[in-house]
PDB file of N, CA and C in Angstrom:
ATOM      1  N   UNK A   1      11.646 -11.357  -8.300  1.00  0.00           N
ATOM      2  CA  UNK A   1      11.230 -11.145  -6.933  1.00  0.00           C
ATOM      3  C   UNK A   1      11.295 -12.482  -6.214  1.00  0.00           C
ATOM      4  N   UNK A   2      11.972 -12.501  -5.094  1.00  0.00           N
ATOM      5  CA  UNK A   2      12.090 -13.721  -4.311  1.00  0.00           C
ATOM      6  C   UNK A   2      10.910 -13.850  -3.357  1.00  0.00           C
ATOM      7  N   UNK A   3      10.235 -14.995  -3.413  1.00  0.00           N
ATOM      8  CA  UNK A   3       9.049 -15.208  -2.586  1.00  0.00           C
ATOM      9  C   UNK A   3       9.360 -15.108  -1.100  1.00  0.00           C
ATOM     10  N   UNK A   4      10.539 -15.521  -0.669  1.00  0.00           N
ATOM     11  CA  UNK A   4      10.892 -15.488   0.742  1.00  0.00           C
ATOM     12  C   UNK A   4      10.956 -14.087   1.334  1.00  0.00           C
ATOM     13  N   UNK A   5      11.117 -13.093   0.480  1.00  0.00           N
ATOM     14  CA  UNK A   5      11.169 -11.714   0.968  1.00  0.00           C
ATOM     15  C   UNK A   5       9.781 -11.123   1.179  1.00  0.00           C
ATOM     16  N   UNK A   6       8.771 -11.785   0.644  1.00  0.00           N
ATOM     17  CA  UNK A   6       7.387 -11.355   0.846  1.00  0.00           C
ATOM     18  C   UNK A   6       6.841 -12.164   2.026  1.00  0.00           C
ATOM     19  N   UNK A   7       7.184 -11.742   3.213  1.00  0.00           N
ATOM     20  CA  UNK A   7       6.891 -12.551   4.402  1.00  0.00           C
ATOM     21  C   UNK A   7       5.862 -11.930   5.340  1.00  0.00           C
ATOM     22  N   UNK A   8       5.147 -10.909   4.891  1.00  0.00           N
ATOM     23  CA  UNK A   8       4.118 -10.271   5.702  1.00  0.00           C
ATOM     24  C   UNK A   8       2.784 -10.370   4.962  1.00  0.00           C
ATOM     25  N   UNK A   9       1.750 -10.806   5.651  1.00  0.00           N
ATOM     26  CA  UNK A   9       0.416 -10.877   5.050  1.00  0.00           C
ATOM     27  C   UNK A   9      -0.281  -9.542   5.325  1.00  0.00           C
ATOM     28  N   UNK A  10      -0.573  -8.798   4.280  1.00  0.00           N
ATOM     29  CA  UNK A  10      -1.174  -7.472   4.430  1.00  0.00           C
ATOM     30  C   UNK A  10      -2.525  -7.419   3.719  1.00  0.00           C
ATOM     31  N   UNK A  11      -3.335  -6.474   4.130  1.00  0.00           N
ATOM     32  CA  UNK A  11      -4.612  -6.202   3.470  1.00  0.00           C
ATOM     33  C   UNK A  11      -4.486  -4.880   2.728  1.00  0.00           C
ATOM     34  N   UNK A  12      -5.071  -4.822   1.559  1.00  0.00           N
ATOM     35  CA  UNK A  12      -5.144  -3.575   0.822  1.00  0.00           C
ATOM     36  C   UNK A  12      -6.601  -3.132   0.876  1.00  0.00           C
ATOM     37  N   UNK A  13      -6.803  -1.908   1.368  1.00  0.00           N
ATOM     38  CA  UNK A  13      -8.141  -1.371   1.591  1.00  0.00           C
ATOM     39  C   UNK A  13      -8.397  -0.199   0.668  1.00  0.00           C
ATOM     40  N   UNK A  14      -9.635  -0.010   0.301  1.00  0.00           N
ATOM     41  CA  UNK A  14     -10.021   1.125  -0.538  1.00  0.00           C
ATOM     42  C   UNK A  14     -11.012   1.986   0.230  1.00  0.00           C
ATOM     43  N   UNK A  15     -11.098   3.271  -0.126  1.00  0.00           N
ATOM     44  CA  UNK A  15     -12.084   4.118   0.548  1.00  0.00           C
ATOM     45  C   UNK A  15     -13.494   3.689   0.153  1.00  0.00           C
ATOM     46  N   UNK A  16     -14.445   3.816   1.071  1.00  0.00           N
ATOM     47  CA  UNK A  16     -15.823   3.451   0.721  1.00  0.00           C
ATOM     48  C   UNK A  16     -16.394   4.426  -0.307  1.00  0.00           C
ATOM     49  N   UNK A  17     -17.229   3.908  -1.183  1.00  0.00           N
ATOM     50  CA  UNK A  17     -17.881   4.758  -2.172  1.00  0.00           C
ATOM     51  C   UNK A  17     -18.974   5.600  -1.533  1.00  0.00           C
ATOM     52  N   UNK A  18     -19.325   6.678  -2.202  1.00  0.00           N
ATOM     53  CA  UNK A  18     -20.351   7.569  -1.667  1.00  0.00           C
ATOM     54  C   UNK A  18     -21.701   6.880  -1.536  1.00  0.00           C
ATOM     55  N   UNK A  19     -21.963   5.899  -2.386  1.00  0.00           N
ATOM     56  CA  UNK A  19     -23.261   5.230  -2.358  1.00  0.00           C
ATOM     57  C   UNK A  19     -23.270   3.977  -1.485  1.00  0.00           C
ATOM     58  N   UNK A  20     -22.164   3.657  -0.823  1.00  0.00           N
ATOM     59  CA  UNK A  20     -22.105   2.482   0.039  1.00  0.00           C
ATOM     60  C   UNK A  20     -22.587   2.843   1.437  1.00  0.00           C
ATOM     61  N   UNK A  21     -23.394   1.941   2.017  1.00  0.00           N
ATOM     62  CA  UNK A  21     -23.938   2.181   3.345  1.00  0.00           C
ATOM     63  C   UNK A  21     -24.020   0.869   4.101  1.00  0.00           C
ATOM     64  N   UNK A  22     -24.107   0.970   5.431  1.00  0.00           N
ATOM     65  CA  UNK A  22     -24.268  -0.231   6.246  1.00  0.00           C
ATOM     66  C   UNK A  22     -25.735  -0.660   6.234  1.00  0.00           C
ATOM     67  N   UNK A  23     -26.074  -1.670   7.025  1.00  0.00           N
ATOM     68  CA  UNK A  23     -27.442  -2.199   7.025  1.00  0.00           C
ATOM     69  C   UNK A  23     -28.462  -1.192   7.554  1.00  0.00           C
ATOM     70  N   UNK A  24     -28.001  -0.153   8.227  1.00  0.00           N
ATOM     71  CA  UNK A  24     -28.897   0.891   8.751  1.00  0.00           C
ATOM     72  C   UNK A  24     -28.989   2.090   7.809  1.00  0.00           C
ATOM     73  N   UNK A  25     -28.286   2.012   6.693  1.00  0.00           N
ATOM     74  CA  UNK A  25     -28.315   3.107   5.736  1.00  0.00           C
ATOM     75  C   UNK A  25     -27.316   4.214   6.023  1.00  0.00           C
ATOM     76  N   UNK A  26     -26.443   3.996   7.014  1.00  0.00           N
ATOM     77  CA  UNK A  26     -25.433   4.992   7.356  1.00  0.00           C
ATOM     78  C   UNK A  26     -24.192   4.798   6.478  1.00  0.00           C
ATOM     79  N   UNK A  27     -23.499   5.890   6.135  1.00  0.00           N
ATOM     80  CA  UNK A  27     -22.262   5.749   5.345  1.00  0.00           C
ATOM     81  C   UNK A  27     -21.246   4.876   6.089  1.00  0.00           C
ATOM     82  N   UNK A  28     -20.476   4.116   5.334  1.00  0.00           N
ATOM     83  CA  UNK A  28     -19.471   3.238   5.933  1.00  0.00           C
ATOM     84  C   UNK A  28     -18.324   4.043   6.537  1.00  0.00           C
ATOM     85  N   UNK A  29     -17.907   3.643   7.737  1.00  0.00           N
ATOM     86  CA  UNK A  29     -16.724   4.233   8.360  1.00  0.00           C
ATOM     87  C   UNK A  29     -15.480   3.434   8.020  1.00  0.00           C
ATOM     88  N   UNK A  30     -15.637   2.115   7.929  1.00  0.00           N
ATOM     89  CA  UNK A  30     -14.505   1.238   7.646  1.00  0.00           C
ATOM     90  C   UNK A  30     -14.258   1.157   6.147  1.00  0.00           C
ATOM     91  N   UNK A  31     -12.976   1.031   5.812  1.00  0.00           N
ATOM     92  CA  UNK A  31     -12.607   0.879   4.414  1.00  0.00           C
ATOM     93  C   UNK A  31     -12.733  -0.591   4.030  1.00  0.00           C
ATOM     94  N   UNK A  32     -13.438  -0.912   2.933  1.00  0.00           N
ATOM     95  CA  UNK A  32     -13.560  -2.299   2.496  1.00  0.00           C
ATOM     96  C   UNK A  32     -12.219  -2.866   2.013  1.00  0.00           C
ATOM     97  N   UNK A  33     -12.034  -4.160   2.252  1.00  0.00           N
ATOM     98  CA  UNK A  33     -10.805  -4.837   1.827  1.00  0.00           C
ATOM     99  C   UNK A  33     -10.893  -5.179   0.344  1.00  0.00           C
ATOM    100  N   UNK A  34      -9.852  -4.831  -0.387  1.00  0.00           N
ATOM    101  CA  UNK A  34      -9.749  -5.170  -1.805  1.00  0.00           C
ATOM    102  C   UNK A  34      -9.164  -6.568  -1.944  1.00  0.00           C
ATOM    103  N   UNK A  35      -8.092  -6.845  -1.192  1.00  0.00           N
ATOM    104  CA  UNK A  35      -7.429  -8.136  -1.270  1.00  0.00           C
ATOM    105  C   UNK A  35      -6.462  -8.303  -0.106  1.00  0.00           C
ATOM    106  N   UNK A  36      -6.026  -9.534   0.104  1.00  0.00           N
ATOM    107  CA  UNK A  36      -4.927  -9.855   1.018  1.00  0.00           C
ATOM    108  C   UNK A  36      -3.798 -10.378   0.151  1.00  0.00           C
ATOM    109  N   UNK A  37      -2.588  -9.866   0.381  1.00  0.00           N
ATOM    110  CA  UNK A  37      -1.433 -10.275  -0.416  1.00  0.00           C
ATOM    111  C   UNK A  37      -0.221 -10.449   0.486  1.00  0.00           C
ATOM    112  N   UNK A  38       0.770 -11.168  -0.019  1.00  0.00           N
ATOM    113  CA  UNK A  38       2.058 -11.275   0.668  1.00  0.00           C
ATOM    114  C   UNK A  38       2.910 -10.093   0.242  1.00  0.00           C
ATOM    115  N   UNK A  39       3.588  -9.496   1.208  1.00  0.00           N
ATOM    116  CA  UNK A  39       4.377  -8.294   0.939  1.00  0.00           C
ATOM    117  C   UNK A  39       5.620  -8.274   1.803  1.00  0.00           C
ATOM    118  N   UNK A  40       6.526  -7.405   1.449  1.00  0.00           N
ATOM    119  CA  UNK A  40       7.647  -7.053   2.302  1.00  0.00           C
ATOM    120  C   UNK A  40       7.379  -5.643   2.812  1.00  0.00           C
ATOM    121  N   UNK A  41       7.845  -5.328   3.988  1.00  0.00           N
ATOM    122  CA  UNK A  41       7.697  -3.967   4.511  1.00  0.00           C
ATOM    123  C   UNK A  41       9.084  -3.478   4.870  1.00  0.00           C
ATOM    124  N   UNK A  42       9.546  -2.445   4.153  1.00  0.00           N
ATOM    125  CA  UNK A  42      10.913  -1.976   4.308  1.00  0.00           C
ATOM    126  C   UNK A  42      10.947  -0.480   4.603  1.00  0.00           C
ATOM    127  N   UNK A  43      11.217  -0.099   5.863  1.00  0.00           N
ATOM    128  CA  UNK A  43      11.422   1.325   6.140  1.00  0.00           C
ATOM    129  C   UNK A  43      12.617   1.817   5.320  1.00  0.00           C
ATOM    130  N   UNK A  44      12.522   3.017   4.794  1.00  0.00           N
ATOM    131  CA  UNK A  44      13.604   3.532   3.957  1.00  0.00           C
ATOM    132  C   UNK A  44      14.822   3.891   4.803  1.00  0.00           C
ATOM    133  N   UNK A  45      15.987   3.557   4.286  1.00  0.00           N
ATOM    134  CA  UNK A  45      17.234   3.921   4.949  1.00  0.00           C
ATOM    135  C   UNK A  45      17.493   5.409   4.712  1.00  0.00           C
ATOM    136  N   UNK A  46      18.498   5.951   5.348  1.00  0.00           N
ATOM    137  CA  UNK A  46      18.821   7.362   5.203  1.00  0.00           C
ATOM    138  C   UNK A  46      19.039   7.775   3.764  1.00  0.00           C
ATOM    139  N   UNK A  47      19.820   7.006   3.020  1.00  0.00           N
ATOM    140  CA  UNK A  47      20.121   7.344   1.625  1.00  0.00           C
ATOM    141  C   UNK A  47      18.858   7.253   0.763  1.00  0.00           C
ATOM    142  N   UNK A  48      18.070   6.188   0.968  1.00  0.00           N
ATOM    143  CA  UNK A  48      16.838   6.036   0.195  1.00  0.00           C
ATOM    144  C   UNK A  48      15.856   7.155   0.519  1.00  0.00           C
ATOM    145  N   UNK A  49      15.824   7.566   1.782  1.00  0.00           N
ATOM    146  CA  UNK A  49      14.906   8.625   2.203  1.00  0.00           C
ATOM    147  C   UNK A  49      15.281   9.948   1.540  1.00  0.00           C
ATOM    148  N   UNK A  50      16.573  10.218   1.413  1.00  0.00           N
ATOM    149  CA  UNK A  50      17.020  11.446   0.742  1.00  0.00           C
ATOM    150  C   UNK A  50      16.610  11.408  -0.725  1.00  0.00           C
ATOM    151  N   UNK A  51      16.782  10.263  -1.370  1.00  0.00           N
ATOM    152  CA  UNK A  51      16.395  10.131  -2.776  1.00  0.00           C
ATOM    153  C   UNK A  51      14.883  10.278  -2.936  1.00  0.00           C
ATOM    154  N   UNK A  52      14.120   9.669  -2.024  1.00  0.00           N
ATOM    155  CA  UNK A  52      12.661   9.762  -2.093  1.00  0.00           C
ATOM    156  C   UNK A  52      12.187  11.182  -1.830  1.00  0.00           C
ATOM    157  N   UNK A  53      12.904  11.931  -1.008  1.00  0.00           N
ATOM    158  CA  UNK A  53      12.510  13.303  -0.680  1.00  0.00           C
ATOM    159  C   UNK A  53      12.548  14.192  -1.918  1.00  0.00           C
ATOM    160  N   UNK A  54      13.349  13.815  -2.914  1.00  0.00           N
ATOM    161  CA  UNK A  54      13.390  14.590  -4.145  1.00  0.00           C
ATOM    162  C   UNK A  54      12.068  14.470  -4.898  1.00  0.00           C
ATOM    163  N   UNK A  55      11.360  13.361  -4.683  1.00  0.00           N
ATOM    164  CA  UNK A  55      10.074  13.136  -5.343  1.00  0.00           C
ATOM    165  C   UNK A  55       8.920  13.483  -4.406  1.00  0.00           C
ATOM    166  N   UNK A  56       8.957  12.963  -3.187  1.00  0.00           N
ATOM    167  CA  UNK A  56       7.884  13.176  -2.222  1.00  0.00           C
ATOM    168  C   UNK A  56       8.452  13.055  -0.818  1.00  0.00           C
ATOM    169  N   UNK A  57       8.459  14.120  -0.064  1.00  0.00           N
ATOM    170  CA  UNK A  57       9.109  14.159   1.245  1.00  0.00           C
ATOM    171  C   UNK A  57       8.447  13.267   2.283  1.00  0.00           C
ATOM    172  N   UNK A  58       7.230  12.810   2.041  1.00  0.00           N
ATOM    173  CA  UNK A  58       6.512  12.029   3.036  1.00  0.00           C
ATOM    174  C   UNK A  58       6.769  10.523   2.959  1.00  0.00           C
ATOM    175  N   UNK A  59       7.425  10.043   1.925  1.00  0.00           N
ATOM    176  CA  UNK A  59       7.634   8.609   1.774  1.00  0.00           C
ATOM    177  C   UNK A  59       8.532   8.094   2.903  1.00  0.00           C
ATOM    178  N   UNK A  60       8.042   7.087   3.641  1.00  0.00           N
ATOM    179  CA  UNK A  60       8.815   6.508   4.734  1.00  0.00           C
ATOM    180  C   UNK A  60       9.055   5.016   4.565  1.00  0.00           C
ATOM    181  N   UNK A  61       8.239   4.358   3.730  1.00  0.00           N
ATOM    182  CA  UNK A  61       8.261   2.906   3.657  1.00  0.00           C
ATOM    183  C   UNK A  61       8.040   2.436   2.229  1.00  0.00           C
ATOM    184  N   UNK A  62       8.781   1.391   1.845  1.00  0.00           N
ATOM    185  CA  UNK A  62       8.596   0.736   0.544  1.00  0.00           C
ATOM    186  C   UNK A  62       7.995  -0.634   0.800  1.00  0.00           C
ATOM    187  N   UNK A  63       6.883  -0.936   0.117  1.00  0.00           N
ATOM    188  CA  UNK A  63       6.201  -2.218   0.300  1.00  0.00           C
ATOM    189  C   UNK A  63       6.108  -2.909  -1.061  1.00  0.00           C
ATOM    190  N   UNK A  64       6.988  -3.898  -1.313  1.00  0.00           N
ATOM    191  CA  UNK A  64       6.889  -4.643  -2.571  1.00  0.00           C
ATOM    192  C   UNK A  64       5.828  -5.746  -2.463  1.00  0.00           C
ATOM    193  N   UNK A  65       5.051  -5.914  -3.541  1.00  0.00           N
ATOM    194  CA  UNK A  65       4.072  -6.998  -3.638  1.00  0.00           C
ATOM    195  C   UNK A  65       4.161  -7.576  -5.045  1.00  0.00           C
ATOM    196  N   UNK A  66       3.578  -8.742  -5.244  1.00  0.00           N
ATOM    197  CA  UNK A  66       3.467  -9.262  -6.603  1.00  0.00           C
ATOM    198  C   UNK A  66       2.516  -8.361  -7.382  1.00  0.00           C
ATOM    199  N   UNK A  67       2.734  -8.268  -8.684  1.00  0.00           N
ATOM    200  CA  UNK A  67       1.910  -7.392  -9.519  1.00  0.00           C
ATOM    201  C   UNK A  67       0.438  -7.738  -9.381  1.00  0.00           C
ATOM    202  N   UNK A  68      -0.354  -6.726  -9.249  1.00  0.00           N
ATOM    203  CA  UNK A  68      -1.804  -6.872  -9.176  1.00  0.00           C
ATOM    204  C   UNK A  68      -2.405  -5.615  -9.787  1.00  0.00           C
ATOM    205  N   UNK A  69      -3.243  -5.741 -10.829  1.00  0.00           N
ATOM    206  CA  UNK A  69      -3.835  -4.547 -11.439  1.00  0.00           C
ATOM    207  C   UNK A  69      -4.837  -3.894 -10.483  1.00  0.00           C
ATOM    208  N   UNK A  70      -5.013  -2.600 -10.637  1.00  0.00           N
ATOM    209  CA  UNK A  70      -6.033  -1.898  -9.875  1.00  0.00           C
ATOM    210  C   UNK A  70      -5.584  -1.282  -8.565  1.00  0.00           C
ATOM    211  N   UNK A  71      -4.340  -1.515  -8.154  1.00  0.00           N
ATOM    212  CA  UNK A  71      -3.838  -0.903  -6.921  1.00  0.00           C
ATOM    213  C   UNK A  71      -3.460   0.539  -7.244  1.00  0.00           C
ATOM    214  N   UNK A  72      -3.982   1.484  -6.467  1.00  0.00           N
ATOM    215  CA  UNK A  72      -3.671   2.889  -6.742  1.00  0.00           C
ATOM    216  C   UNK A  72      -3.482   3.682  -5.453  1.00  0.00           C
ATOM    217  N   UNK A  73      -3.198   4.955  -5.609  1.00  0.00           N
ATOM    218  CA  UNK A  73      -2.839   5.794  -4.466  1.00  0.00           C
ATOM    219  C   UNK A  73      -4.007   6.240  -3.602  1.00  0.00           C
ATOM    220  N   UNK A  74      -5.212   5.834  -3.938  1.00  0.00           N
ATOM    221  CA  UNK A  74      -6.342   6.133  -3.056  1.00  0.00           C
ATOM    222  C   UNK A  74      -6.456   5.096  -1.945  1.00  0.00           C
ATOM    223  N   UNK A  75      -5.679   4.029  -2.047  1.00  0.00           N
ATOM    224  CA  UNK A  75      -5.791   2.893  -1.134  1.00  0.00           C
ATOM    225  C   UNK A  75      -4.779   2.964   0.004  1.00  0.00           C
ATOM    226  N   UNK A  76      -4.978   2.096   0.989  1.00  0.00           N
ATOM    227  CA  UNK A  76      -4.030   1.962   2.088  1.00  0.00           C
ATOM    228  C   UNK A  76      -3.670   0.494   2.262  1.00  0.00           C
ATOM    229  N   UNK A  77      -2.478   0.275   2.829  1.00  0.00           N
ATOM    230  CA  UNK A  77      -2.012  -1.070   3.159  1.00  0.00           C
ATOM    231  C   UNK A  77      -2.108  -1.202   4.672  1.00  0.00           C
ATOM    232  N   UNK A  78      -2.693  -2.304   5.132  1.00  0.00           N
ATOM    233  CA  UNK A  78      -2.815  -2.532   6.570  1.00  0.00           C
ATOM    234  C   UNK A  78      -2.066  -3.804   6.945  1.00  0.00           C
ATOM    235  N   UNK A  79      -1.170  -3.671   7.930  1.00  0.00           N
ATOM    236  CA  UNK A  79      -0.436  -4.815   8.469  1.00  0.00           C
ATOM    237  C   UNK A  79      -0.633  -4.797   9.977  1.00  0.00           C
ATOM    238  N   UNK A  80      -1.285  -5.809  10.493  1.00  0.00           N
ATOM    239  CA  UNK A  80      -1.658  -5.874  11.912  1.00  0.00           C
ATOM    240  C   UNK A  80      -2.422  -4.600  12.266  1.00  0.00           C
ATOM    241  N   UNK A  81      -1.916  -3.789  13.185  1.00  0.00           N
ATOM    242  CA  UNK A  81      -2.614  -2.558  13.569  1.00  0.00           C
ATOM    243  C   UNK A  81      -2.042  -1.307  12.907  1.00  0.00           C
ATOM    244  N   UNK A  82      -1.102  -1.490  11.981  1.00  0.00           N
ATOM    245  CA  UNK A  82      -0.446  -0.349  11.338  1.00  0.00           C
ATOM    246  C   UNK A  82      -0.992  -0.145   9.926  1.00  0.00           C
ATOM    247  N   UNK A  83      -1.219   1.110   9.565  1.00  0.00           N
ATOM    248  CA  UNK A  83      -1.682   1.439   8.223  1.00  0.00           C
ATOM    249  C   UNK A  83      -0.649   2.296   7.503  1.00  0.00           C
ATOM    250  N   UNK A  84      -0.543   2.070   6.193  1.00  0.00           N
ATOM    251  CA  UNK A  84       0.381   2.802   5.334  1.00  0.00           C
ATOM    252  C   UNK A  84      -0.418   3.393   4.178  1.00  0.00           C
ATOM    253  N   UNK A  85      -0.326   4.692   4.018  1.00  0.00           N
ATOM    254  CA  UNK A  85      -0.993   5.386   2.918  1.00  0.00           C
ATOM    255  C   UNK A  85      -0.133   5.249   1.666  1.00  0.00           C
ATOM    256  N   UNK A  86      -0.712   4.769   0.574  1.00  0.00           N
ATOM    257  CA  UNK A  86       0.037   4.622  -0.676  1.00  0.00           C
ATOM    258  C   UNK A  86       0.149   5.992  -1.337  1.00  0.00           C
ATOM    259  N   UNK A  87       1.381   6.466  -1.497  1.00  0.00           N
ATOM    260  CA  UNK A  87       1.607   7.756  -2.133  1.00  0.00           C
ATOM    261  C   UNK A  87       1.800   7.608  -3.642  1.00  0.00           C
ATOM    262  N   UNK A  88       2.486   6.549  -4.055  1.00  0.00           N
ATOM    263  CA  UNK A  88       2.591   6.235  -5.470  1.00  0.00           C
ATOM    264  C   UNK A  88       3.063   4.804  -5.649  1.00  0.00           C
ATOM    265  N   UNK A  89       2.868   4.283  -6.859  1.00  0.00           N
ATOM    266  CA  UNK A  89       3.267   2.912  -7.171  1.00  0.00           C
ATOM    267  C   UNK A  89       4.323   2.940  -8.264  1.00  0.00           C
ATOM    268  N   UNK A  90       5.213   1.969  -8.200  1.00  0.00           N
ATOM    269  CA  UNK A  90       6.266   1.828  -9.206  1.00  0.00           C
ATOM    270  C   UNK A  90       6.162   0.417  -9.788  1.00  0.00           C
ATOM    271  N   UNK A  91       6.212   0.321 -11.113  1.00  0.00           N
ATOM    272  CA  UNK A  91       6.225  -0.974 -11.807  1.00  0.00           C
ATOM    273  C   UNK A  91       7.639  -1.214 -12.310  1.00  0.00           C
ATOM    274  N   UNK A  92       8.505  -1.867 -11.517  1.00  0.00           N
ATOM    275  CA  UNK A  92       9.876  -2.088 -11.999  1.00  0.00           C
ATOM    276  C   UNK A  92       9.879  -2.874 -13.312  1.00  0.00           C
ATOM    277  N   UNK A  93      10.556  -2.354 -14.271  1.00  0.00           N
ATOM    278  CA  UNK A  93      10.751  -2.994 -15.574  1.00  0.00           C
ATOM    279  C   UNK A  93       9.448  -3.237 -16.339  1.00  0.00           C
ATOM    280  N   UNK A  94       8.322  -2.784 -15.848  1.00  0.00           N
ATOM    281  CA  UNK A  94       7.021  -2.955 -16.502  1.00  0.00           C
ATOM    282  C   UNK A  94       6.781  -4.384 -16.982  1.00  0.00           C
ATOM    283  N   UNK A  95       7.171  -5.348 -16.156  1.00  0.00           N
ATOM    284  CA  UNK A  95       7.047  -6.746 -16.571  1.00  0.00           C
ATOM    285  C   UNK A  95       5.863  -7.467 -15.916  1.00  0.00           C
ATOM    286  N   UNK A  96       5.020  -6.727 -15.215  1.00  0.00           N
ATOM    287  CA  UNK A  96       3.835  -7.288 -14.560  1.00  0.00           C
ATOM    288  C   UNK A  96       4.175  -8.406 -13.589  1.00  0.00           C
ATOM    289  N   UNK A  97       5.318  -8.271 -12.922  1.00  0.00           N
ATOM    290  CA  UNK A  97       5.723  -9.257 -11.917  1.00  0.00           C
ATOM    291  C   UNK A  97       5.696  -8.667 -10.519  1.00  0.00           C
ATOM    292  N   UNK A  98       5.917  -7.355 -10.414  1.00  0.00           N
ATOM    293  CA  UNK A  98       6.090  -6.742  -9.109  1.00  0.00           C
ATOM    294  C   UNK A  98       5.555  -5.311  -9.109  1.00  0.00           C
ATOM    295  N   UNK A  99       5.044  -4.897  -7.957  1.00  0.00           N
ATOM    296  CA  UNK A  99       4.686  -3.496  -7.707  1.00  0.00           C
ATOM    297  C   UNK A  99       5.452  -3.052  -6.466  1.00  0.00           C
ATOM    298  N   UNK A 100       5.979  -1.862  -6.506  1.00  0.00           N
ATOM    299  CA  UNK A 100       6.597  -1.246  -5.335  1.00  0.00           C
ATOM    300  C   UNK A 100       5.629  -0.158  -4.880  1.00  0.00           C
ATOM    301  N   UNK A 101       5.096  -0.314  -3.687  1.00  0.00           N
ATOM    302  CA  UNK A 101       4.188   0.681  -3.128  1.00  0.00           C
ATOM    303  C   UNK A 101       5.009   1.612  -2.241  1.00  0.00           C
ATOM    304  N   UNK A 102       5.101   2.865  -2.619  1.00  0.00           N
ATOM    305  CA  UNK A 102       5.840   3.852  -1.836  1.00  0.00           C
ATOM    306  C   UNK A 102       4.831   4.521  -0.914  1.00  0.00           C
ATOM    307  N   UNK A 103       5.042   4.357   0.392  1.00  0.00           N
ATOM    308  CA  UNK A 103       4.019   4.690   1.367  1.00  0.00           C
ATOM    309  C   UNK A 103       4.489   5.618   2.462  1.00  0.00           C
ATOM    310  N   UNK A 104       3.501   6.184   3.136  1.00  0.00           N
ATOM    311  CA  UNK A 104       3.719   6.980   4.335  1.00  0.00           C
ATOM    312  C   UNK A 104       3.010   6.254   5.470  1.00  0.00           C
ATOM    313  N   UNK A 105       3.720   6.040   6.554  1.00  0.00           N
ATOM    314  CA  UNK A 105       3.138   5.365   7.708  1.00  0.00           C
ATOM    315  C   UNK A 105       2.143   6.311   8.371  1.00  0.00           C
ATOM    316  N   UNK A 106       0.938   5.805   8.616  1.00  0.00           N
ATOM    317  CA  UNK A 106      -0.078   6.604   9.319  1.00  0.00           C
ATOM    318  C   UNK A 106       0.112   6.467  10.806  1.00  0.00           C
ATOM    319  N   UNK A 107      -0.075   7.551  11.524  1.00  0.00           N
ATOM    320  CA  UNK A 107       0.094   7.528  12.985  1.00  0.00           C
ATOM    321  C   UNK A 107      -1.187   7.195  13.680  1.00  0.00           C
TER     322      UNK A 107
END
C-alpha cells in the first residue's frame, strides 16, 4: 500500500452502546469516534460497480486504510460532512497491512 494514496483524514465511528448516556442521563445521539486514520476514498467505476453488485448492490465506494483490528460493519466512516456506511471489509492477502472498506454513501 502506497502511503501517498491515503490522502484523506477520516474518522471511524461506532454506534453508541445501550448503556451509554450524556451528562443528563439521556441516550447518546452522536456516534463516538473509534479512531482517526488516513484513507483513500474511491467511488467505484462502472465495471467495479457491476462486480460489486454480484455481492451487494448497495456498494458505491471503496475506502482503503492501513490494517487496524476491530473495524466492522456496524461502524461508519466520516470524511468532512459525508458519511459512508461500512457494508463489509476485505483483508487483501491477509497480511495485516491493509483493509478495504466496501461502503455505501449515506445521503
